[in-house]
Amino acid sequence: MATVLVAADGKWVRDQVRTALAASDTTVLEVTRGQDVRAAVAEYAPDLVILDMQIANMGGVAVAIDLHLEAGAGRVPEAKILLLLDREHDRFLAKRADADAVLVKPVDPGTMRRTMKQLLAAAPEIDAAPAQA
């Protein structure tokens, strides 16, 4: 069973992820503030972290960079990161954050499900939306 952590202050974003994973054997955890992600990753060691671009006081890009730094220092476990972008032009920022994959909202459930499945399977290439500009 996989564990997915969703960080989004918008309930509709968290609901969209839950809907995409409804039929799977996946545990979905939620946080509504970017500053809570590091502690949740340390406690639950999720396989995938889904970050909304705008998360209250600490956005998805800042959280992704923080997680990479903390994992590199051995303070939190490594996890794949999926960034949910507000617009296509944000791909540049996602690349800087070294996200494993990106999707531009709104995302249809099928695309989100396929992307998450590929990330959880540790696929080297993400057909839906690689984090390259």
Protein backbone atom coordinates (compact mmCIF):
# COMPACT_ATOMS: atom_id res chain seq x y z
CA MET A 1 0.00 0.00 0.00
CA ALA A 2 1.32 3.44 -0.95
CA THR A 3 1.07 6.58 1.13
CA VAL A 4 0.45 9.97 -0.50
CA LEU A 5 0.72 13.30 1.30
CA VAL A 6 -1.28 16.17 -0.20
CA ALA A 7 -0.41 19.74 0.79
CA ALA A 8 -3.02 22.25 -0.33
CA ASP A 9 -5.06 24.88 1.44
CA GLY A 10 -7.81 24.54 -1.16
CA LYS A 11 -10.24 21.79 -0.22
CA TRP A 12 -11.10 21.29 -3.91
CA VAL A 13 -7.46 20.38 -4.64
CA ARG A 14 -7.32 17.83 -1.82
CA ASP A 15 -10.68 16.42 -2.95
CA GLN A 16 -9.42 16.14 -6.52
CA VAL A 17 -6.48 13.99 -5.36
CA ARG A 18 -8.73 11.82 -3.21
CA THR A 19 -11.09 11.32 -6.15
CA ALA A 20 -8.23 10.31 -8.45
CA LEU A 21 -7.10 7.70 -5.89
CA ALA A 22 -10.57 6.52 -4.83
CA ALA A 23 -10.32 3.02 -6.29
CA SER A 24 -6.70 2.40 -5.30
CA ASP A 25 -5.10 0.84 -2.25
CA THR A 26 -3.50 4.14 -1.23
CA THR A 27 -3.53 6.04 2.04
CA VAL A 28 -4.02 9.77 1.51
CA LEU A 29 -2.82 12.18 4.20
CA GLU A 30 -3.56 15.91 4.07
CA VAL A 31 -1.99 19.09 5.39
CA THR A 32 -3.21 22.61 4.69
CA ARG A 33 -0.03 24.57 5.39
CA GLY A 34 3.31 24.31 3.64
CA GLN A 35 5.16 24.64 6.92
CA ASP A 36 3.56 21.37 8.11
CA VAL A 37 4.85 19.26 5.22
CA ARG A 38 8.34 18.56 6.59
CA ALA A 39 6.98 17.23 9.90
CA ALA A 40 4.39 15.09 8.08
CA VAL A 41 7.08 13.63 5.79
CA ALA A 42 9.30 12.89 8.80
CA GLU A 43 6.43 11.21 10.65
CA TYR A 44 4.69 9.26 7.87
CA ALA A 45 7.43 8.74 5.22
CA PRO A 46 5.02 9.07 2.27
CA ASP A 47 5.90 7.56 -1.09
CA LEU A 48 4.61 10.64 -2.91
CA VAL A 49 4.17 14.26 -1.85
CA ILE A 50 1.72 16.34 -3.89
CA LEU A 51 2.24 20.06 -3.46
CA ASP A 52 -0.13 22.78 -4.61
CA MET A 53 1.71 25.78 -6.03
CA GLN A 54 0.02 28.08 -3.51
CA ILE A 55 -0.17 26.68 0.02
CA ALA A 56 -1.04 29.45 2.47
CA ASN A 57 2.22 30.93 3.77
CA MET A 58 4.75 28.56 2.13
CA GLY A 59 4.19 27.61 -1.49
CA GLY A 60 4.85 24.33 -3.24
CA VAL A 61 8.18 25.40 -4.75
CA ALA A 62 9.59 26.44 -1.36
CA VAL A 63 8.34 23.21 0.22
CA ALA A 64 9.87 21.07 -2.56
CA ILE A 65 13.25 22.77 -2.14
CA ASP A 66 13.02 22.36 1.64
CA LEU A 67 12.22 18.63 1.31
CA HIS A 68 15.17 18.07 -1.04
CA LEU A 69 17.55 19.84 1.34
CA GLU A 70 16.23 17.99 4.38
CA ALA A 71 16.33 14.60 2.62
CA GLY A 72 19.87 15.31 1.40
CA ALA A 73 20.91 15.97 5.00
CA GLY A 74 19.21 12.75 6.15
CA ARG A 75 16.64 14.51 8.33
CA VAL A 76 13.57 13.31 6.41
CA PRO A 77 13.03 10.34 4.09
CA GLU A 78 13.14 10.94 0.35
CA ALA A 79 9.83 11.07 -1.49
CA LYS A 80 8.73 11.71 -5.05
CA ILE A 81 7.27 15.18 -5.54
CA LEU A 82 4.38 16.17 -7.81
CA LEU A 83 3.79 19.91 -8.10
CA LEU A 84 0.34 21.18 -9.08
CA LEU A 85 0.90 24.40 -10.98
CA ASP A 86 -1.46 27.32 -11.42
CA ARG A 87 -0.34 28.08 -14.97
CA GLU A 88 1.87 26.69 -17.70
CA HIS A 89 4.54 29.37 -17.18
CA ASP A 90 5.23 28.03 -13.67
CA ARG A 91 7.09 25.05 -15.17
CA PHE A 92 10.31 27.08 -14.92
CA LEU A 93 9.86 27.32 -11.13
CA ALA A 94 9.02 23.64 -10.89
CA LYS A 95 12.24 22.79 -12.69
CA ARG A 96 14.19 24.90 -10.19
CA ALA A 97 12.46 23.01 -7.37
CA ASP A 98 13.53 19.68 -8.93
CA ALA A 99 9.99 18.27 -8.90
CA ASP A 100 9.64 14.73 -10.22
CA ALA A 101 6.53 15.70 -12.19
CA VAL A 102 4.21 18.64 -12.68
CA LEU A 103 0.60 19.07 -13.71
CA VAL A 104 -1.18 22.33 -14.50
CA LYS A 105 -4.54 22.78 -12.74
CA PRO A 106 -7.26 22.01 -13.30
CA VAL A 107 -6.26 18.39 -13.86
CA ASP A 108 -8.65 15.70 -14.97
CA PRO A 109 -8.74 12.68 -12.61
CA GLY A 110 -7.45 10.26 -15.25
CA THR A 111 -4.31 12.28 -15.94
CA MET A 112 -3.68 12.74 -12.24
CA ARG A 113 -4.20 9.02 -11.56
CA ARG A 114 -1.79 8.00 -14.34
CA THR A 115 0.86 10.48 -13.21
CA MET A 116 0.62 9.38 -9.57
CA LYS A 117 0.73 5.72 -10.59
CA GLN A 118 3.88 6.32 -12.64
CA LEU A 119 5.55 8.20 -9.81
CA LEU A 120 4.64 5.54 -7.27
CA ALA A 121 6.03 2.88 -9.59
CA ALA A 122 9.26 4.93 -9.78
CA ALA A 123 8.94 5.30 -13.55
CA PRO A 124 11.97 7.13 -14.98
CA GLU A 125 9.85 9.15 -17.44
CA ILE A 126 6.53 10.82 -16.76
CA ASP A 127 4.58 11.05 -20.01
CA ALA A 128 1.93 13.37 -18.62
CA ALA A 129 4.16 16.29 -17.73
CA PRO A 130 7.85 16.01 -16.97
CA ALA A 131 9.33 18.80 -14.88
CA GLN A 132 11.44 20.03 -17.75
CA ALA A 133 10.81 23.41 -19.36
